[in-house]
Amino acid sequence: MAAQGFLTSELVRDSHHFMADIYDNDDEQRESWLTWLIVFLKRGLRPVDYVTIHGPHSPQASYMWGEAECESIYGRGLDVVFQTSKCHSIWDVRGVRIKEKEKNTLLPIVEISKLPKKWQEEIKISKVELAMLKRSKR
């Protein structure tokens, strides 16, 4: 399993990783959905229905990767792939790199002020809801 470089649409399939589809309308997955939604919104992307996430169950590949179909701030659909840097848990989304799948172009974080007002508000609301969900688990 390649631990370096950026995975494109080729996904490693073995017994040492998990795969999950995180849906926006599933209450049991709400914390995961909000976590990933914020990551995508900050890059001018909004997942259409779900995000597919793959991750390791062994130290050989201590990162997560996946793909999603997104709406961009420019109003067009975009298929993307992503990968985290070394993560410590399934909630660790630091160092996420998202690329346009077809062109292999890195999609940077967008200044919040350049996002549509609706998306700016969605980030704020999602952060508050995520914090409330985490507090309720304590």
Protein backbone atom coordinates (compact mmCIF):
# COMPACT_ATOMS: atom_id res chain seq x y z
CA MET A 1 0.00 0.00 0.00
CA ALA A 2 1.52 3.34 -1.03
CA ALA A 3 1.82 5.69 1.92
CA GLN A 4 3.30 8.59 -0.01
CA GLY A 5 1.93 10.64 -2.85
CA PHE A 6 -1.66 11.54 -3.49
CA LEU A 7 -4.15 8.84 -4.30
CA THR A 8 -6.33 9.54 -7.29
CA SER A 9 -9.42 7.53 -8.06
CA GLU A 10 -7.53 4.27 -7.61
CA LEU A 11 -8.53 2.96 -4.21
CA VAL A 12 -6.52 0.41 -2.30
CA ARG A 13 -8.60 -2.63 -1.42
CA ASP A 14 -7.37 -4.91 1.33
CA SER A 15 -8.35 -6.14 4.77
CA HIS A 16 -6.59 -3.27 6.56
CA HIS A 17 -8.94 -0.39 5.79
CA PHE A 18 -12.55 0.60 6.24
CA MET A 19 -14.91 2.29 3.84
CA ALA A 20 -17.93 4.39 4.70
CA ASP A 21 -20.40 6.48 2.78
CA ILE A 22 -21.35 9.46 4.94
CA TYR A 23 -24.79 10.84 4.04
CA ASP A 24 -26.10 14.31 4.81
CA ASN A 25 -29.51 13.10 5.96
CA ASP A 26 -28.45 10.31 8.34
CA ASP A 27 -28.78 11.33 12.00
CA GLU A 28 -26.40 8.55 13.13
CA GLN A 29 -23.68 9.99 10.88
CA ARG A 30 -24.38 13.66 11.65
CA GLU A 31 -21.06 14.34 13.41
CA SER A 32 -19.06 12.80 10.56
CA TRP A 33 -21.12 14.62 7.94
CA LEU A 34 -20.66 18.02 9.62
CA THR A 35 -16.92 17.45 10.05
CA TRP A 36 -16.44 16.72 6.35
CA LEU A 37 -18.98 19.33 5.21
CA ILE A 38 -16.93 22.07 6.86
CA VAL A 39 -13.73 20.80 5.21
CA PHE A 40 -15.39 20.88 1.78
CA LEU A 41 -17.22 24.20 2.21
CA LYS A 42 -13.94 25.91 3.11
CA ARG A 43 -12.70 24.93 -0.35
CA GLY A 44 -15.73 26.25 -2.20
CA LEU A 45 -17.30 22.81 -2.53
CA ARG A 46 -20.48 21.26 -1.21
CA PRO A 47 -20.94 17.47 -1.36
CA VAL A 48 -24.12 16.64 -3.28
CA ASP A 49 -25.43 13.67 -1.26
CA TYR A 50 -22.61 11.76 0.38
CA VAL A 51 -18.85 11.47 0.87
CA THR A 52 -17.05 8.14 0.49
CA ILE A 53 -14.25 7.76 3.03
CA HIS A 54 -11.60 5.06 3.18
CA GLY A 55 -9.24 4.68 6.07
CA PRO A 56 -6.65 2.40 7.55
CA HIS A 57 -6.90 -0.24 10.21
CA SER A 58 -3.15 -0.68 10.22
CA PRO A 59 -0.16 1.65 10.61
CA GLN A 60 1.09 1.08 7.05
CA ALA A 61 -1.34 3.72 5.75
CA SER A 62 -2.16 6.07 8.60
CA TYR A 63 -4.31 8.45 6.57
CA MET A 64 -7.81 8.63 5.14
CA TRP A 65 -8.77 9.11 1.53
CA GLY A 66 -11.95 9.24 -0.48
CA GLU A 67 -14.07 10.89 -3.09
CA ALA A 68 -17.22 12.94 -3.49
CA GLU A 69 -19.41 14.54 -6.09
CA CYS A 70 -19.66 18.24 -5.25
CA GLU A 71 -21.27 21.47 -6.28
CA SER A 72 -18.69 24.26 -6.61
CA ILE A 73 -19.12 27.94 -5.77
CA TYR A 74 -19.11 28.50 -9.52
CA GLY A 75 -22.30 26.47 -9.90
CA ARG A 76 -20.84 23.48 -11.69
CA GLY A 77 -20.59 19.88 -10.61
CA LEU A 78 -17.17 18.59 -9.72
CA ASP A 79 -15.90 15.10 -8.86
CA VAL A 80 -13.13 15.30 -6.28
CA VAL A 81 -10.72 13.01 -4.45
CA PHE A 82 -9.11 13.78 -1.11
CA GLN A 83 -6.50 12.54 1.32
CA THR A 84 -5.59 13.53 4.86
CA SER A 85 -2.07 13.79 6.16
CA LYS A 86 -1.15 11.31 8.88
CA CYS A 87 -4.22 11.01 11.09
CA HIS A 88 -4.66 9.78 14.63
CA SER A 89 -8.36 8.89 14.45
CA ILE A 90 -11.32 8.92 12.11
CA TRP A 91 -12.14 12.43 13.39
CA ASP A 92 -8.72 13.82 12.50
CA VAL A 93 -9.24 15.79 9.28
CA ARG A 94 -6.18 18.02 9.60
CA GLY A 95 -4.08 18.41 6.50
CA VAL A 96 -6.80 17.41 4.05
CA ARG A 97 -5.87 17.90 0.40
CA ILE A 98 -8.71 17.91 -2.09
CA LYS A 99 -8.14 17.59 -5.83
CA GLU A 100 -10.38 17.78 -8.84
CA LYS A 101 -10.54 14.14 -9.95
CA GLU A 102 -10.42 14.71 -13.72
CA LYS A 103 -7.73 17.40 -13.87
CA ASN A 104 -5.81 16.36 -10.72
CA THR A 105 -5.84 20.04 -9.66
CA LEU A 106 -5.38 20.89 -5.98
CA LEU A 107 -8.31 22.91 -4.61
CA PRO A 108 -7.12 25.42 -1.99
CA ILE A 109 -8.98 26.83 0.99
CA VAL A 110 -11.07 29.82 -0.10
CA GLU A 111 -11.32 33.01 1.95
CA ILE A 112 -14.60 32.80 3.84
CA SER A 113 -15.61 36.24 2.56
CA LYS A 114 -15.41 34.93 -1.04
CA LEU A 115 -17.88 32.13 -0.39
CA PRO A 116 -21.59 32.65 -1.08
CA LYS A 117 -23.35 34.11 1.99
CA LYS A 118 -25.47 30.96 2.27
CA TRP A 119 -22.31 28.83 2.53
CA GLN A 120 -20.70 31.20 5.03
CA GLU A 121 -23.77 30.81 7.21
CA GLU A 122 -23.77 27.03 6.72
CA ILE A 123 -20.17 26.85 7.99
CA LYS A 124 -21.09 28.85 11.12
CA ILE A 125 -24.19 26.76 11.83
CA SER A 126 -22.33 23.50 11.17
CA LYS A 127 -19.53 24.45 13.59
CA VAL A 128 -22.06 25.26 16.32
CA GLU A 129 -24.01 22.04 15.74
CA LEU A 130 -20.80 20.00 15.67
CA ALA A 131 -19.65 21.52 18.97
CA MET A 132 -23.04 20.72 20.52
CA LEU A 133 -22.88 17.11 19.32
CA LYS A 134 -19.40 16.67 20.77
CA ARG A 135 -20.46 18.20 24.11
CA SER A 136 -23.47 15.90 24.31
CA LYS A 137 -21.18 12.85 24.06
CA ARG A 138 -19.27 13.77 27.21
